[in-house]
Protein backbone atom coordinates (compact mmCIF):
# COMPACT_ATOMS: atom_id res chain seq x y z
CA UNK A 1 11.17 1.29 27.60
CA UNK A 2 10.91 -2.48 28.49
CA UNK A 3 8.07 -2.99 26.11
CA UNK A 4 9.35 -0.59 23.09
CA UNK A 5 10.24 -3.34 21.04
CA UNK A 6 6.77 -4.81 21.67
CA UNK A 7 4.55 -2.34 20.54
CA UNK A 8 6.84 -1.07 18.11
CA UNK A 9 6.20 -4.62 16.24
CA UNK A 10 2.43 -4.17 17.20
CA UNK A 11 2.05 -1.04 15.48
CA UNK A 12 4.19 -2.19 12.28
CA UNK A 13 2.14 -5.14 12.03
CA UNK A 14 -1.00 -2.91 12.51
CA UNK A 15 0.14 -0.98 9.38
CA UNK A 16 1.04 -3.76 7.36
CA UNK A 17 -2.56 -4.97 8.42
CA UNK A 18 -4.12 -1.68 7.13
CA UNK A 19 -2.31 -1.20 4.01
CA UNK A 20 -2.00 -5.12 2.58
CA UNK A 21 -5.54 -6.09 3.82
CA UNK A 22 -6.71 -3.08 2.14
CA UNK A 23 -4.95 -3.40 -0.90
CA UNK A 24 -6.21 -7.27 -0.87
CA UNK A 25 -10.08 -5.84 -0.91
CA UNK A 26 -9.96 -2.97 -3.32
CA UNK A 27 -8.34 -5.25 -5.98
CA UNK A 28 -10.21 -8.98 -5.42
CA UNK A 29 -13.21 -7.56 -3.60
CA UNK A 30 -14.20 -3.92 -5.00
CA UNK A 31 -12.93 -4.07 -8.01
CA UNK A 32 -14.95 -6.94 -9.89
CA UNK A 33 -17.98 -5.82 -7.73
CA UNK A 34 -17.95 -2.39 -9.68
CA UNK A 35 -17.05 -3.77 -12.91
CA UNK A 36 -20.46 -4.15 -14.18
CA UNK A 37 -21.07 -0.12 -13.49
CA UNK A 38 -20.38 2.19 -16.27
CA UNK A 39 -17.62 4.57 -16.27
CA UNK A 40 -19.58 7.51 -15.45
CA UNK A 41 -20.45 5.50 -12.50
CA UNK A 42 -17.40 3.60 -11.58
CA UNK A 43 -15.13 6.03 -11.67
CA UNK A 44 -16.48 8.93 -9.19
CA UNK A 45 -16.46 5.88 -6.82
CA UNK A 46 -13.50 4.80 -7.38
CA UNK A 47 -11.88 8.34 -6.88
CA UNK A 48 -13.72 8.34 -3.65
CA UNK A 49 -12.50 5.32 -2.31
CA UNK A 50 -8.82 6.30 -3.62
CA UNK A 51 -9.34 9.31 -2.00
CA UNK A 52 -10.37 7.59 1.71
CA UNK A 53 -8.05 4.72 1.11
CA UNK A 54 -5.07 6.60 0.78
CA UNK A 55 -5.35 8.73 3.91
CA UNK A 56 -5.56 5.37 5.73
CA UNK A 57 -2.18 3.70 2.90
CA UNK A 58 -0.45 7.08 3.88
CA UNK A 59 -1.07 6.90 7.97
CA UNK A 60 0.02 3.09 7.71
CA UNK A 61 3.23 3.54 5.95
CA UNK A 62 4.24 5.98 7.93
CA UNK A 63 3.49 3.63 10.68
CA UNK A 64 5.40 1.10 9.35
CA UNK A 65 8.42 3.39 8.39
CA UNK A 66 9.12 4.38 11.96
CA UNK A 67 8.35 1.56 13.36
CA UNK A 68 10.66 -0.67 10.72
CA UNK A 69 13.13 1.90 11.08
CA UNK A 70 12.87 1.22 15.21
CA UNK A 71 13.32 -2.18 15.42
CA UNK A 72 15.77 -2.33 12.58
CA UNK A 73 18.31 -0.10 14.85
CA UNK A 74 17.24 -2.64 17.88
CA UNK A 75 17.81 -5.65 15.83
CA UNK A 76 21.28 -5.10 14.26
CA UNK A 77 21.20 -2.06 12.27
CA UNK A 78 23.48 -1.81 9.32
CA UNK A 79 24.62 -5.25 11.21
CA UNK A 80 21.16 -6.91 11.10
CA UNK A 81 20.71 -10.33 9.44
CA UNK A 82 19.20 -10.32 6.33
CA UNK A 83 15.81 -11.20 5.97
CA UNK A 84 15.60 -7.87 7.67
CA UNK A 85 17.54 -5.99 5.57
CA UNK A 86 15.42 -7.88 2.26
CA UNK A 87 11.95 -6.60 4.33
CA UNK A 88 13.22 -3.52 4.25
CA UNK A 89 14.36 -3.03 1.05
CA UNK A 90 10.85 -4.48 -0.12
CA UNK A 91 9.00 -1.98 1.65
CA UNK A 92 11.00 1.32 0.52
CA UNK A 93 9.81 -0.26 -2.78
CA UNK A 94 6.64 -0.99 -2.01
CA UNK A 95 6.22 2.70 -0.75
CA UNK A 96 7.47 4.04 -3.39
CA UNK A 97 4.91 2.50 -5.88
CA UNK A 98 2.55 3.75 -3.73
CA UNK A 99 3.88 6.94 -4.07
CA UNK A 100 3.61 7.08 -7.39
CA UNK A 101 0.01 6.23 -7.13
CA UNK A 102 -0.47 8.77 -5.20
CA UNK A 103 1.00 11.77 -6.41
CA UNK A 104 1.52 10.32 -9.84
CA UNK A 105 -1.90 8.20 -10.87
CA UNK A 106 -4.24 9.75 -8.30
CA UNK A 107 -4.05 13.31 -9.89
CA UNK A 108 -5.03 11.84 -13.24
CA UNK A 109 -8.07 9.98 -11.49
CA UNK A 110 -8.93 13.05 -10.10
CA UNK A 111 -8.37 15.37 -13.12
CA UNK A 112 -10.41 12.72 -15.33
CA UNK A 113 -13.16 12.47 -13.35
CA UNK A 114 -13.68 16.34 -12.73
CA UNK A 115 -13.89 16.86 -16.57
CA UNK A 116 -15.56 13.59 -17.48
CA UNK A 117 -12.75 12.15 -19.38
CA UNK A 118 -13.79 8.44 -18.48
CA UNK A 119 -11.20 6.92 -21.10
CA UNK A 120 -8.61 8.76 -19.65
CA UNK A 121 -9.66 7.91 -15.97
CA UNK A 122 -10.22 3.88 -17.16
CA UNK A 123 -6.78 4.32 -18.19
CA UNK A 124 -5.59 5.52 -14.90
CA UNK A 125 -7.22 3.29 -12.59
CA UNK A 126 -5.71 0.25 -14.48
CA UNK A 127 -2.27 1.48 -14.62
CA UNK A 128 -3.50 1.91 -10.74
CA UNK A 129 -4.80 -2.06 -10.82
CA UNK A 130 -1.57 -3.47 -12.30
CA UNK A 131 0.65 -1.40 -9.33
CA UNK A 132 -1.60 -2.38 -6.71
CA UNK A 133 -1.38 -5.93 -7.77
CA UNK A 134 2.47 -6.11 -7.82
CA UNK A 135 2.67 -4.59 -4.28
CA UNK A 136 0.10 -7.09 -3.18
CA UNK A 137 2.77 -9.55 -4.33
CA UNK A 138 5.33 -7.67 -2.51
CA UNK A 139 3.53 -7.76 0.35
CA UNK A 140 3.19 -11.09 0.64
CA UNK A 141 6.69 -12.20 -0.44
CA UNK A 142 7.45 -9.32 2.59
CA UNK A 143 5.24 -11.04 5.46
CA UNK A 144 6.69 -14.54 3.68
CA UNK A 145 10.04 -13.48 4.33
CA UNK A 146 8.97 -12.09 8.25
CA UNK A 147 7.17 -15.41 8.93
CA UNK A 148 10.56 -17.13 7.26
CA UNK A 149 12.96 -15.27 9.47
CA UNK A 150 11.66 -16.43 13.09
């Protein structure tokens, strides 16, 4: 139990790296690279990418949630300093946004690809893009709070 805090912090940061790093890659690298493809090629590719990434992101979210909860309990719980509560609050907002993407928007993308309804699929991917950008900003702010809190 002597290294429990270090192990939890490692797992927490690993989850953050996978989740935020994956969003940065998808938004700033993959999305522009796919811009010239037709919707008939681009949307099935997005569906495949989302399907794989969301599994990794869900695992990262769970890792962040459990390790963060453990760390918060070790550093004062409800009486912890404000930066820890700020990180937790921002993390919960990010998780809720991810849940909306995964359980509301991704099924729309999947249905649009299956029915070849390219305009609906493009709209859903556009909304995903906007929410991912919000989550990237929230993630960077959260990382900033973590660094400033040390």
